[in-house]
Amino acid sequence: MSVDGRALPVDYATVHADPALDATAILAAETGVLVLLTMMLSVLLAHPAGRRLLPCAVGLATAVIIATLSPLSGGSANPARQFGPVLLVQDTTHLWIYLLAPVLGAVLGAALVALAKPVTAQRPRC
C-alpha cells in the first residue's frame, strides 16, 4: 500500500502508546484498569444477582477499557493481542509493560478484594 507514492510501513496491527507518556505512566494506567476490572469481577461473582449481570458487565467494562486506554497506551488490555504483532514487527520496546501490567493488576486487585472481605471464623471442613 502506498500514499503519495511512498510505501507505508507494515506494523501488523501493533499497538503504540502515546509518545508523551513514559513507561511508568503506561504501566500505571494498564495496571490500574486491571485492578478495577478484577475487583468488579470478584464483587459480581460473589453475589447471585451479580452473576446474572456478569456478561453485560464484562462487555461494558471491555468497551470502557478500550475507549479509555486507546489514547494512552493503545488499549491493549489483552497481552496476547500485543504479543503476536510485536513479534512480527520485532519491536519489543514496551512489550514488558503489556505482559506485566495484567498480571500485576490482577494480583493487586485480588489482594485488595481479600483485604476488603470481612474476617469470618473459619469452620473446619469435614
Protein backbone atom coordinates (compact mmCIF):
# COMPACT_ATOMS: atom_id res chain seq x y z
CA MET A 1 0.00 0.00 0.00
CA SER A 2 1.25 3.50 -0.68
CA VAL A 3 0.28 7.11 -0.09
CA ASP A 4 1.59 9.81 -2.42
CA GLY A 5 3.97 7.28 -3.95
CA ARG A 6 5.55 6.44 -0.57
CA ALA A 7 5.32 2.94 0.83
CA LEU A 8 3.66 2.74 4.23
CA PRO A 9 5.33 0.57 6.87
CA VAL A 10 3.52 -2.60 7.79
CA ASP A 11 3.09 -2.73 11.55
CA TYR A 12 0.96 -5.89 11.67
CA ALA A 13 -1.63 -4.17 13.89
CA THR A 14 0.79 -3.34 16.68
CA VAL A 15 -0.48 -1.02 19.37
CA HIS A 16 1.52 2.10 20.17
CA ALA A 17 1.30 4.15 23.33
CA ASP A 18 1.11 7.92 23.41
CA PRO A 19 4.67 9.17 22.83
CA ALA A 20 4.19 11.80 25.54
CA LEU A 21 3.85 9.08 28.20
CA ASP A 22 6.78 7.29 29.73
CA ALA A 23 6.83 3.58 30.54
CA THR A 24 5.85 4.15 34.17
CA ALA A 25 2.68 6.02 33.22
CA ILE A 26 1.68 3.34 30.73
CA LEU A 27 2.31 0.61 33.31
CA ALA A 28 0.27 2.51 35.90
CA ALA A 29 -2.66 3.02 33.51
CA GLU A 30 -2.75 -0.61 32.38
CA THR A 31 -2.30 -1.94 35.92
CA GLY A 32 -4.92 0.39 37.40
CA VAL A 33 -7.55 -0.64 34.89
CA LEU A 34 -6.90 -4.32 35.56
CA VAL A 35 -7.10 -3.76 39.32
CA LEU A 36 -10.55 -2.21 38.87
CA LEU A 37 -11.66 -4.96 36.49
CA THR A 38 -10.52 -7.70 38.89
CA MET A 39 -12.35 -6.06 41.78
CA MET A 40 -15.53 -5.62 39.70
CA LEU A 41 -15.50 -9.26 38.63
CA SER A 42 -14.97 -10.52 42.17
CA VAL A 43 -17.84 -8.42 43.51
CA LEU A 44 -20.18 -9.62 40.77
CA LEU A 45 -19.17 -13.26 41.22
CA ALA A 46 -19.68 -13.08 44.98
CA HIS A 47 -23.43 -12.44 44.69
CA PRO A 48 -26.02 -14.47 42.78
CA ALA A 49 -27.67 -11.32 41.39
CA GLY A 50 -24.28 -10.10 40.19
CA ARG A 51 -23.66 -13.30 38.27
CA ARG A 52 -26.66 -12.55 36.06
CA LEU A 53 -25.13 -9.16 35.24
CA LEU A 54 -21.67 -10.56 34.57
CA PRO A 55 -21.88 -10.93 30.75
CA CYS A 56 -23.14 -7.38 30.29
CA ALA A 57 -20.68 -6.00 32.84
CA VAL A 58 -17.70 -7.69 31.16
CA GLY A 59 -18.75 -6.40 27.75
CA LEU A 60 -19.27 -2.89 29.05
CA ALA A 61 -16.01 -2.95 31.02
CA THR A 62 -14.11 -4.12 27.92
CA ALA A 63 -15.58 -1.28 25.87
CA VAL A 64 -14.72 1.26 28.57
CA ILE A 65 -11.18 -0.09 28.90
CA ILE A 66 -10.56 0.13 25.17
CA ALA A 67 -12.08 3.60 24.92
CA THR A 68 -10.14 4.86 27.94
CA LEU A 69 -6.77 3.26 27.26
CA SER A 70 -6.64 3.66 23.47
CA PRO A 71 -5.32 7.22 23.53
CA LEU A 72 -2.95 6.47 26.41
CA SER A 73 -1.48 3.03 25.98
CA GLY A 74 -3.07 1.79 22.79
CA GLY A 75 -5.93 -0.01 24.57
CA SER A 76 -4.21 -3.37 24.66
CA ALA A 77 -5.51 -4.96 27.85
CA ASN A 78 -5.00 -8.44 26.40
CA PRO A 79 -1.32 -9.47 26.46
CA ALA A 80 -1.81 -11.88 23.54
CA ARG A 81 -3.21 -9.02 21.46
CA GLN A 82 0.09 -7.19 21.80
CA PHE A 83 2.47 -10.15 21.86
CA GLY A 84 1.83 -11.58 18.37
CA PRO A 85 2.01 -8.36 16.35
CA VAL A 86 5.10 -7.18 18.25
CA LEU A 87 6.93 -10.40 17.41
CA LEU A 88 6.15 -9.93 13.72
CA VAL A 89 7.39 -6.34 13.73
CA GLN A 90 10.32 -7.22 16.05
CA ASP A 91 9.87 -4.09 18.15
CA THR A 92 9.69 -5.24 21.76
CA THR A 93 10.36 -1.83 23.29
CA HIS A 94 7.30 -1.70 25.56
CA LEU A 95 6.26 -5.35 25.39
CA TRP A 96 7.25 -5.91 29.03
CA ILE A 97 4.57 -3.42 30.09
CA TYR A 98 1.79 -5.24 28.28
CA LEU A 99 2.90 -8.58 29.73
CA LEU A 100 3.49 -7.38 33.30
CA ALA A 101 0.57 -4.96 33.80
CA PRO A 102 -2.31 -7.51 33.52
CA VAL A 103 -0.63 -9.91 35.94
CA LEU A 104 0.27 -7.13 38.36
CA GLY A 105 -3.22 -5.64 38.13
CA ALA A 106 -4.92 -8.98 38.74
CA VAL A 107 -2.71 -9.75 41.74
CA LEU A 108 -3.21 -6.29 43.26
CA GLY A 109 -6.96 -6.43 42.61
CA ALA A 110 -7.24 -9.85 44.24
CA ALA A 111 -5.22 -8.62 47.22
CA LEU A 112 -7.50 -5.60 47.64
CA VAL A 113 -10.59 -7.80 47.46
CA ALA A 114 -9.10 -10.14 50.06
CA LEU A 115 -8.34 -7.20 52.34
CA ALA A 116 -11.86 -5.82 51.93
CA LYS A 117 -13.58 -9.08 52.89
CA PRO A 118 -14.68 -9.21 56.50
CA VAL A 119 -12.77 -11.62 58.65
CA THR A 120 -15.06 -14.51 59.49
CA ALA A 121 -14.44 -17.54 61.60
CA GLN A 122 -13.36 -20.46 59.51
CA ARG A 123 -15.38 -23.58 60.06
CA PRO A 124 -13.43 -26.80 59.89
CA ARG A 125 -14.02 -28.81 56.76
CA CYS A 126 -15.23 -32.34 57.20
